[in-house]
Amino acid sequence: MAANNGAEGIMTTVHAYSARHALYRIEQLIALAPDAKFEQSPRELVADFAKLVVHLGYDEETRERWVDDVQAVPGVEDCEYVLEECVAA
């Protein structure tokens, strides 16, 4: 995952079972950073930069993909991501 390019917006991919689990996976990747010092928790960092998560479904038999879920990420509340559905699947 590469995200530091100086542009106003970025796009990246991460393998996960759902939109919420994609955010958890990014937290795990942040935790792997050696000697990283953050003023915020990894969850708050992710919520600050990940404004939209698009989750794709996949059919192993046909090998087709489709947009399964689109969630906005307005922030963190009670130590959990707040997600708002943008498009009904």
PDB file of N, CA and C in Angstrom:
ATOM      1  N   MET A   1       0.849  -1.168   0.000  1.00  0.00           N
ATOM      2  CA  MET A   1       0.000   0.000   0.000  1.00  0.00           C
ATOM      3  C   MET A   1       0.892   1.227   0.000  1.00  0.00           C
ATOM      4  N   ALA A   2       0.760   2.073  -0.997  1.00  0.00           N
ATOM      5  CA  ALA A   2       1.523   3.307  -1.073  1.00  0.00           C
ATOM      6  C   ALA A   2       0.541   4.477  -1.059  1.00  0.00           C
ATOM      7  N   ALA A   3       0.747   5.411  -0.155  1.00  0.00           N
ATOM      8  CA  ALA A   3      -0.209   6.503  -0.040  1.00  0.00           C
ATOM      9  C   ALA A   3       0.445   7.876   0.048  1.00  0.00           C
ATOM     10  N   ASN A   4       1.744   7.959   0.210  1.00  0.00           N
ATOM     11  CA  ASN A   4       2.409   9.242   0.400  1.00  0.00           C
ATOM     12  C   ASN A   4       2.928   9.766  -0.929  1.00  0.00           C
ATOM     13  N   ASN A   5       2.079  10.536  -1.633  1.00  0.00           N
ATOM     14  CA  ASN A   5       2.510  11.049  -2.922  1.00  0.00           C
ATOM     15  C   ASN A   5       2.357  12.557  -3.059  1.00  0.00           C
ATOM     16  N   GLY A   6       1.930  13.232  -2.026  1.00  0.00           N
ATOM     17  CA  GLY A   6       1.817  14.687  -2.052  1.00  0.00           C
ATOM     18  C   GLY A   6       0.566  15.213  -2.736  1.00  0.00           C
ATOM     19  N   ALA A   7      -0.264  14.364  -3.285  1.00  0.00           N
ATOM     20  CA  ALA A   7      -1.489  14.801  -3.952  1.00  0.00           C
ATOM     21  C   ALA A   7      -2.587  15.037  -2.923  1.00  0.00           C
ATOM     22  N   GLU A   8      -3.634  15.739  -3.327  1.00  0.00           N
ATOM     23  CA  GLU A   8      -4.749  16.013  -2.412  1.00  0.00           C
ATOM     24  C   GLU A   8      -5.550  14.767  -2.087  1.00  0.00           C
ATOM     25  N   GLY A   9      -5.563  13.798  -2.961  1.00  0.00           N
ATOM     26  CA  GLY A   9      -6.320  12.581  -2.723  1.00  0.00           C
ATOM     27  C   GLY A   9      -5.528  11.381  -3.191  1.00  0.00           C
ATOM     28  N   ILE A  10      -5.836  10.239  -2.612  1.00  0.00           N
ATOM     29  CA  ILE A  10      -5.170   9.008  -3.007  1.00  0.00           C
ATOM     30  C   ILE A  10      -6.202   7.905  -3.150  1.00  0.00           C
ATOM     31  N   MET A  11      -5.799   6.839  -3.813  1.00  0.00           N
ATOM     32  CA  MET A  11      -6.617   5.651  -3.909  1.00  0.00           C
ATOM     33  C   MET A  11      -5.685   4.470  -3.721  1.00  0.00           C
ATOM     34  N   THR A  12      -6.124   3.501  -2.973  1.00  0.00           N
ATOM     35  CA  THR A  12      -5.320   2.311  -2.760  1.00  0.00           C
ATOM     36  C   THR A  12      -6.243   1.109  -2.667  1.00  0.00           C
ATOM     37  N   THR A  13      -5.668  -0.073  -2.663  1.00  0.00           N
ATOM     38  CA  THR A  13      -6.457  -1.286  -2.507  1.00  0.00           C
ATOM     39  C   THR A  13      -5.962  -2.055  -1.297  1.00  0.00           C
ATOM     40  N   VAL A  14      -6.879  -2.795  -0.698  1.00  0.00           N
ATOM     41  CA  VAL A  14      -6.548  -3.662   0.432  1.00  0.00           C
ATOM     42  C   VAL A  14      -7.522  -4.841   0.373  1.00  0.00           C
ATOM     43  N   HIS A  15      -7.026  -6.022   0.674  1.00  0.00           N
ATOM     44  CA  HIS A  15      -7.881  -7.207   0.653  1.00  0.00           C
ATOM     45  C   HIS A  15      -8.579  -7.358   1.999  1.00  0.00           C
ATOM     46  N   ALA A  16      -9.924  -7.438   1.975  1.00  0.00           N
ATOM     47  CA  ALA A  16     -10.700  -7.550   3.209  1.00  0.00           C
ATOM     48  C   ALA A  16     -12.070  -8.138   2.886  1.00  0.00           C
ATOM     49  N   TYR A  17     -12.744  -8.620   3.930  1.00  0.00           N
ATOM     50  CA  TYR A  17     -14.049  -9.252   3.762  1.00  0.00           C
ATOM     51  C   TYR A  17     -15.207  -8.269   3.701  1.00  0.00           C
ATOM     52  N   SER A  18     -14.979  -7.021   4.095  1.00  0.00           N
ATOM     53  CA  SER A  18     -16.034  -6.009   4.082  1.00  0.00           C
ATOM     54  C   SER A  18     -15.392  -4.633   4.126  1.00  0.00           C
ATOM     55  N   ALA A  19     -16.203  -3.602   3.959  1.00  0.00           N
ATOM     56  CA  ALA A  19     -15.693  -2.239   4.051  1.00  0.00           C
ATOM     57  C   ALA A  19     -15.097  -1.978   5.437  1.00  0.00           C
ATOM     58  N   ARG A  20     -15.792  -2.395   6.477  1.00  0.00           N
ATOM     59  CA  ARG A  20     -15.294  -2.198   7.840  1.00  0.00           C
ATOM     60  C   ARG A  20     -13.980  -2.953   8.067  1.00  0.00           C
ATOM     61  N   HIS A  21     -13.904  -4.188   7.578  1.00  0.00           N
ATOM     62  CA  HIS A  21     -12.681  -4.960   7.760  1.00  0.00           C
ATOM     63  C   HIS A  21     -11.512  -4.378   6.963  1.00  0.00           C
ATOM     64  N   ALA A  22     -11.795  -3.671   5.880  1.00  0.00           N
ATOM     65  CA  ALA A  22     -10.728  -2.983   5.144  1.00  0.00           C
ATOM     66  C   ALA A  22     -10.084  -1.921   6.027  1.00  0.00           C
ATOM     67  N   LEU A  23     -10.900  -1.210   6.789  1.00  0.00           N
ATOM     68  CA  LEU A  23     -10.368  -0.198   7.701  1.00  0.00           C
ATOM     69  C   LEU A  23      -9.536  -0.852   8.799  1.00  0.00           C
ATOM     70  N   TYR A  24      -9.995  -1.977   9.332  1.00  0.00           N
ATOM     71  CA  TYR A  24      -9.222  -2.706  10.341  1.00  0.00           C
ATOM     72  C   TYR A  24      -7.879  -3.167   9.762  1.00  0.00           C
ATOM     73  N   ARG A  25      -7.901  -3.620   8.507  1.00  0.00           N
ATOM     74  CA  ARG A  25      -6.673  -4.100   7.869  1.00  0.00           C
ATOM     75  C   ARG A  25      -5.660  -2.964   7.732  1.00  0.00           C
ATOM     76  N   ILE A  26      -6.120  -1.784   7.371  1.00  0.00           N
ATOM     77  CA  ILE A  26      -5.211  -0.637   7.258  1.00  0.00           C
ATOM     78  C   ILE A  26      -4.622  -0.302   8.629  1.00  0.00           C
ATOM     79  N   GLU A  27      -5.426  -0.410   9.679  1.00  0.00           N
ATOM     80  CA  GLU A  27      -4.909  -0.224  11.048  1.00  0.00           C
ATOM     81  C   GLU A  27      -3.769  -1.200  11.322  1.00  0.00           C
ATOM     82  N   GLN A  28      -3.959  -2.452  10.938  1.00  0.00           N
ATOM     83  CA  GLN A  28      -2.917  -3.455  11.147  1.00  0.00           C
ATOM     84  C   GLN A  28      -1.637  -3.079  10.411  1.00  0.00           C
ATOM     85  N   LEU A  29      -1.771  -2.567   9.207  1.00  0.00           N
ATOM     86  CA  LEU A  29      -0.587  -2.168   8.438  1.00  0.00           C
ATOM     87  C   LEU A  29       0.125  -0.986   9.088  1.00  0.00           C
ATOM     88  N   ILE A  30      -0.637  -0.050   9.634  1.00  0.00           N
ATOM     89  CA  ILE A  30      -0.035   1.079  10.352  1.00  0.00           C
ATOM     90  C   ILE A  30       0.759   0.572  11.552  1.00  0.00           C
ATOM     91  N   ALA A  31       0.198  -0.411  12.256  1.00  0.00           N
ATOM     92  CA  ALA A  31       0.864  -0.956  13.448  1.00  0.00           C
ATOM     93  C   ALA A  31       2.187  -1.637  13.106  1.00  0.00           C
ATOM     94  N   LEU A  32       2.370  -2.041  11.854  1.00  0.00           N
ATOM     95  CA  LEU A  32       3.611  -2.690  11.440  1.00  0.00           C
ATOM     96  C   LEU A  32       4.748  -1.706  11.174  1.00  0.00           C
ATOM     97  N   ALA A  33       4.438  -0.410  11.133  1.00  0.00           N
ATOM     98  CA  ALA A  33       5.465   0.599  10.858  1.00  0.00           C
ATOM     99  C   ALA A  33       6.481   0.619  12.001  1.00  0.00           C
ATOM    100  N   PRO A  34       7.756   0.349  11.687  1.00  0.00           N
ATOM    101  CA  PRO A  34       8.766   0.315  12.750  1.00  0.00           C
ATOM    102  C   PRO A  34       9.036   1.716  13.310  1.00  0.00           C
ATOM    103  N   ASP A  35       9.066   1.802  14.614  1.00  0.00           N
ATOM    104  CA  ASP A  35       9.404   3.048  15.305  1.00  0.00           C
ATOM    105  C   ASP A  35       8.499   4.221  14.947  1.00  0.00           C
ATOM    106  N   ALA A  36       7.290   3.954  14.496  1.00  0.00           N
ATOM    107  CA  ALA A  36       6.372   5.036  14.135  1.00  0.00           C
ATOM    108  C   ALA A  36       5.801   5.672  15.399  1.00  0.00           C
ATOM    109  N   LYS A  37       5.746   6.975  15.412  1.00  0.00           N
ATOM    110  CA  LYS A  37       5.179   7.733  16.530  1.00  0.00           C
ATOM    111  C   LYS A  37       4.019   8.568  15.997  1.00  0.00           C
ATOM    112  N   PHE A  38       2.835   8.355  16.546  1.00  0.00           N
ATOM    113  CA  PHE A  38       1.645   9.060  16.097  1.00  0.00           C
ATOM    114  C   PHE A  38       1.011   9.781  17.277  1.00  0.00           C
ATOM    115  N   GLU A  39       0.444  10.943  17.001  1.00  0.00           N
ATOM    116  CA  GLU A  39      -0.277  11.680  18.032  1.00  0.00           C
ATOM    117  C   GLU A  39      -1.700  11.145  18.200  1.00  0.00           C
ATOM    118  N   GLN A  40      -2.191  10.400  17.213  1.00  0.00           N
ATOM    119  CA  GLN A  40      -3.534   9.824  17.252  1.00  0.00           C
ATOM    120  C   GLN A  40      -3.411   8.307  17.260  1.00  0.00           C
ATOM    121  N   SER A  41      -4.488   7.650  17.630  1.00  0.00           N
ATOM    122  CA  SER A  41      -4.521   6.185  17.534  1.00  0.00           C
ATOM    123  C   SER A  41      -4.571   5.804  16.058  1.00  0.00           C
ATOM    124  N   PRO A  42      -4.140   4.585  15.722  1.00  0.00           N
ATOM    125  CA  PRO A  42      -4.247   4.152  14.320  1.00  0.00           C
ATOM    126  C   PRO A  42      -5.678   4.263  13.781  1.00  0.00           C
ATOM    127  N   ARG A  43      -6.672   3.970  14.610  1.00  0.00           N
ATOM    128  CA  ARG A  43      -8.063   4.059  14.167  1.00  0.00           C
ATOM    129  C   ARG A  43      -8.432   5.500  13.807  1.00  0.00           C
ATOM    130  N   GLU A  44      -8.013   6.461  14.630  1.00  0.00           N
ATOM    131  CA  GLU A  44      -8.307   7.868  14.332  1.00  0.00           C
ATOM    132  C   GLU A  44      -7.558   8.328  13.081  1.00  0.00           C
ATOM    133  N   LEU A  45      -6.329   7.858  12.891  1.00  0.00           N
ATOM    134  CA  LEU A  45      -5.577   8.186  11.677  1.00  0.00           C
ATOM    135  C   LEU A  45      -6.308   7.693  10.435  1.00  0.00           C
ATOM    136  N   VAL A  46      -6.755   6.444  10.481  1.00  0.00           N
ATOM    137  CA  VAL A  46      -7.457   5.861   9.335  1.00  0.00           C
ATOM    138  C   VAL A  46      -8.740   6.631   9.054  1.00  0.00           C
ATOM    139  N   ALA A  47      -9.505   6.939  10.085  1.00  0.00           N
ATOM    140  CA  ALA A  47     -10.760   7.681   9.899  1.00  0.00           C
ATOM    141  C   ALA A  47     -10.508   9.078   9.345  1.00  0.00           C
ATOM    142  N   ASP A  48      -9.360   9.677   9.666  1.00  0.00           N
ATOM    143  CA  ASP A  48      -9.034  11.002   9.149  1.00  0.00           C
ATOM    144  C   ASP A  48      -8.735  10.990   7.653  1.00  0.00           C
ATOM    145  N   PHE A  49      -8.094   9.922   7.161  1.00  0.00           N
ATOM    146  CA  PHE A  49      -7.728   9.941   5.744  1.00  0.00           C
ATOM    147  C   PHE A  49      -8.641   9.102   4.858  1.00  0.00           C
ATOM    148  N   ALA A  50      -9.312   8.108   5.387  1.00  0.00           N
ATOM    149  CA  ALA A  50     -10.185   7.259   4.572  1.00  0.00           C
ATOM    150  C   ALA A  50     -11.597   7.825   4.622  1.00  0.00           C
ATOM    151  N   LYS A  51     -11.968   8.531   3.618  1.00  0.00           N
ATOM    152  CA  LYS A  51     -13.288   9.164   3.602  1.00  0.00           C
ATOM    153  C   LYS A  51     -14.343   8.307   2.927  1.00  0.00           C
ATOM    154  N   LEU A  52     -13.907   7.357   2.101  1.00  0.00           N
ATOM    155  CA  LEU A  52     -14.841   6.504   1.378  1.00  0.00           C
ATOM    156  C   LEU A  52     -14.202   5.136   1.183  1.00  0.00           C
ATOM    157  N   VAL A  53     -14.985   4.079   1.423  1.00  0.00           N
ATOM    158  CA  VAL A  53     -14.515   2.707   1.211  1.00  0.00           C
ATOM    159  C   VAL A  53     -15.472   2.032   0.236  1.00  0.00           C
ATOM    160  N   VAL A  54     -14.916   1.512  -0.840  1.00  0.00           N
ATOM    161  CA  VAL A  54     -15.694   0.763  -1.829  1.00  0.00           C
ATOM    162  C   VAL A  54     -15.269  -0.697  -1.708  1.00  0.00           C
ATOM    163  N   HIS A  55     -16.221  -1.560  -1.347  1.00  0.00           N
ATOM    164  CA  HIS A  55     -15.923  -2.986  -1.211  1.00  0.00           C
ATOM    165  C   HIS A  55     -16.465  -3.725  -2.424  1.00  0.00           C
ATOM    166  N   LEU A  56     -15.617  -4.557  -3.031  1.00  0.00           N
ATOM    167  CA  LEU A  56     -16.017  -5.334  -4.190  1.00  0.00           C
ATOM    168  C   LEU A  56     -16.326  -6.768  -3.788  1.00  0.00           C
ATOM    169  N   GLY A  57     -17.409  -7.293  -4.324  1.00  0.00           N
ATOM    170  CA  GLY A  57     -17.713  -8.706  -4.149  1.00  0.00           C
ATOM    171  C   GLY A  57     -17.008  -9.491  -5.241  1.00  0.00           C
ATOM    172  N   TYR A  58     -16.833 -10.806  -5.029  1.00  0.00           N
ATOM    173  CA  TYR A  58     -16.132 -11.641  -5.996  1.00  0.00           C
ATOM    174  C   TYR A  58     -16.766 -13.027  -6.029  1.00  0.00           C
ATOM    175  N   ASP A  59     -17.049 -13.498  -7.230  1.00  0.00           N
ATOM    176  CA  ASP A  59     -17.587 -14.836  -7.423  1.00  0.00           C
ATOM    177  C   ASP A  59     -16.448 -15.716  -7.935  1.00  0.00           C
ATOM    178  N   GLU A  60     -16.015 -16.674  -7.101  1.00  0.00           N
ATOM    179  CA  GLU A  60     -14.890 -17.532  -7.480  1.00  0.00           C
ATOM    180  C   GLU A  60     -15.200 -18.385  -8.705  1.00  0.00           C
ATOM    181  N   GLU A  61     -16.454 -18.768  -8.863  1.00  0.00           N
ATOM    182  CA  GLU A  61     -16.815 -19.631  -9.986  1.00  0.00           C
ATOM    183  C   GLU A  61     -16.750 -18.884 -11.319  1.00  0.00           C
ATOM    184  N   THR A  62     -17.336 -17.693 -11.377  1.00  0.00           N
ATOM    185  CA  THR A  62     -17.361 -16.924 -12.624  1.00  0.00           C
ATOM    186  C   THR A  62     -16.210 -15.932 -12.722  1.00  0.00           C
ATOM    187  N   ARG A  63     -15.526 -15.704 -11.595  1.00  0.00           N
ATOM    188  CA  ARG A  63     -14.421 -14.736 -11.495  1.00  0.00           C
ATOM    189  C   ARG A  63     -14.876 -13.304 -11.763  1.00  0.00           C
ATOM    190  N   GLU A  64     -16.144 -13.045 -11.526  1.00  0.00           N
ATOM    191  CA  GLU A  64     -16.690 -11.699 -11.718  1.00  0.00           C
ATOM    192  C   GLU A  64     -16.588 -10.908 -10.422  1.00  0.00           C
ATOM    193  N   ARG A  65     -16.438  -9.599 -10.560  1.00  0.00           N
ATOM    194  CA  ARG A  65     -16.418  -8.674  -9.430  1.00  0.00           C
ATOM    195  C   ARG A  65     -17.542  -7.661  -9.621  1.00  0.00           C
ATOM    196  N   TRP A  66     -18.041  -7.140  -8.507  1.00  0.00           N
ATOM    197  CA  TRP A  66     -19.084  -6.122  -8.542  1.00  0.00           C
ATOM    198  C   TRP A  66     -18.951  -5.250  -7.302  1.00  0.00           C
ATOM    199  N   VAL A  67     -19.518  -4.054  -7.363  1.00  0.00           N
ATOM    200  CA  VAL A  67     -19.516  -3.170  -6.198  1.00  0.00           C
ATOM    201  C   VAL A  67     -20.534  -3.736  -5.217  1.00  0.00           C
ATOM    202  N   ASP A  68     -20.037  -4.185  -4.078  1.00  0.00           N
ATOM    203  CA  ASP A  68     -20.868  -4.818  -3.059  1.00  0.00           C
ATOM    204  C   ASP A  68     -21.344  -3.815  -2.016  1.00  0.00           C
ATOM    205  N   ASP A  69     -20.506  -2.812  -1.735  1.00  0.00           N
ATOM    206  CA  ASP A  69     -20.816  -1.883  -0.647  1.00  0.00           C
ATOM    207  C   ASP A  69     -19.991  -0.611  -0.830  1.00  0.00           C
ATOM    208  N   VAL A  70     -20.600   0.534  -0.566  1.00  0.00           N
ATOM    209  CA  VAL A  70     -19.893   1.816  -0.566  1.00  0.00           C
ATOM    210  C   VAL A  70     -20.246   2.510   0.745  1.00  0.00           C
ATOM    211  N   GLN A  71     -19.218   2.813   1.552  1.00  0.00           N
ATOM    212  CA  GLN A  71     -19.428   3.410   2.865  1.00  0.00           C
ATOM    213  C   GLN A  71     -18.593   4.682   3.011  1.00  0.00           C
ATOM    214  N   ALA A  72     -19.225   5.737   3.491  1.00  0.00           N
ATOM    215  CA  ALA A  72     -18.496   6.946   3.885  1.00  0.00           C
ATOM    216  C   ALA A  72     -17.993   6.721   5.307  1.00  0.00           C
ATOM    217  N   VAL A  73     -16.860   7.343   5.628  1.00  0.00           N
ATOM    218  CA  VAL A  73     -16.252   7.190   6.956  1.00  0.00           C
ATOM    219  C   VAL A  73     -16.166   8.577   7.597  1.00  0.00           C
ATOM    220  N   PRO A  74     -17.233   9.006   8.291  1.00  0.00           N
ATOM    221  CA  PRO A  74     -17.212  10.341   8.885  1.00  0.00           C
ATOM    222  C   PRO A  74     -16.338  10.469  10.130  1.00  0.00           C
ATOM    223  N   GLY A  75     -15.959   9.350  10.740  1.00  0.00           N
ATOM    224  CA  GLY A  75     -15.105   9.454  11.927  1.00  0.00           C
ATOM    225  C   GLY A  75     -15.169   8.225  12.806  1.00  0.00           C
ATOM    226  N   VAL A  76     -14.791   8.440  14.071  1.00  0.00           N
ATOM    227  CA  VAL A  76     -14.776   7.383  15.080  1.00  0.00           C
ATOM    228  C   VAL A  76     -15.647   7.841  16.243  1.00  0.00           C
ATOM    229  N   GLU A  77     -16.474   6.936  16.757  1.00  0.00           N
ATOM    230  CA  GLU A  77     -17.310   7.233  17.910  1.00  0.00           C
ATOM    231  C   GLU A  77     -17.300   6.017  18.829  1.00  0.00           C
ATOM    232  N   ASP A  78     -17.058   6.243  20.108  1.00  0.00           N
ATOM    233  CA  ASP A  78     -16.969   5.146  21.080  1.00  0.00           C
ATOM    234  C   ASP A  78     -15.967   4.085  20.640  1.00  0.00           C
ATOM    235  N   CYS A  79     -14.819   4.546  20.132  1.00  0.00           N
ATOM    236  CA  CYS A  79     -13.711   3.681  19.703  1.00  0.00           C
ATOM    237  C   CYS A  79     -14.055   2.783  18.523  1.00  0.00           C
ATOM    238  N   GLU A  80     -15.084   3.107  17.769  1.00  0.00           N
ATOM    239  CA  GLU A  80     -15.461   2.298  16.609  1.00  0.00           C
ATOM    240  C   GLU A  80     -15.708   3.222  15.414  1.00  0.00           C
ATOM    241  N   TYR A  81     -15.414   2.714  14.210  1.00  0.00           N
ATOM    242  CA  TYR A  81     -15.663   3.510  13.011  1.00  0.00           C
ATOM    243  C   TYR A  81     -17.150   3.787  12.860  1.00  0.00           C
ATOM    244  N   VAL A  82     -17.471   5.005  12.470  1.00  0.00           N
ATOM    245  CA  VAL A  82     -18.825   5.358  12.083  1.00  0.00           C
ATOM    246  C   VAL A  82     -18.855   5.222  10.559  1.00  0.00           C
ATOM    247  N   LEU A  83     -19.754   4.390  10.067  1.00  0.00           N
ATOM    248  CA  LEU A  83     -19.887   4.199   8.617  1.00  0.00           C
ATOM    249  C   LEU A  83     -21.277   4.588   8.191  1.00  0.00           C
ATOM    250  N   GLU A  84     -21.359   5.237   7.034  1.00  0.00           N
ATOM    251  CA  GLU A  84     -22.648   5.639   6.472  1.00  0.00           C
ATOM    252  C   GLU A  84     -22.753   5.069   5.074  1.00  0.00           C
ATOM    253  N   GLU A  85     -23.791   4.262   4.840  1.00  0.00           N
ATOM    254  CA  GLU A  85     -23.966   3.643   3.535  1.00  0.00           C
ATOM    255  C   GLU A  85     -24.248   4.710   2.481  1.00  0.00           C
ATOM    256  N   CYS A  86     -23.494   4.659   1.391  1.00  0.00           N
ATOM    257  CA  CYS A  86     -23.676   5.636   0.310  1.00  0.00           C
ATOM    258  C   CYS A  86     -24.518   5.078  -0.825  1.00  0.00           C
ATOM    259  N   VAL A  87     -24.357   3.788  -1.098  1.00  0.00           N
ATOM    260  CA  VAL A  87     -25.066   3.148  -2.191  1.00  0.00           C
ATOM    261  C   VAL A  87     -25.586   1.815  -1.694  1.00  0.00           C
ATOM    262  N   ALA A  88     -26.857   1.569  -1.889  1.00  0.00           N
ATOM    263  CA  ALA A  88     -27.422   0.276  -1.486  1.00  0.00           C
ATOM    264  C   ALA A  88     -26.904  -0.799  -2.426  1.00  0.00           C
ATOM    265  N   ALA A  89     -26.459  -1.910  -1.849  1.00  0.00           N
ATOM    266  CA  ALA A  89     -25.924  -3.001  -2.669  1.00  0.00           C
ATOM    267  C   ALA A  89     -27.025  -3.780  -3.320  1.00  0.00           C
TER     268      ALA A  89
END
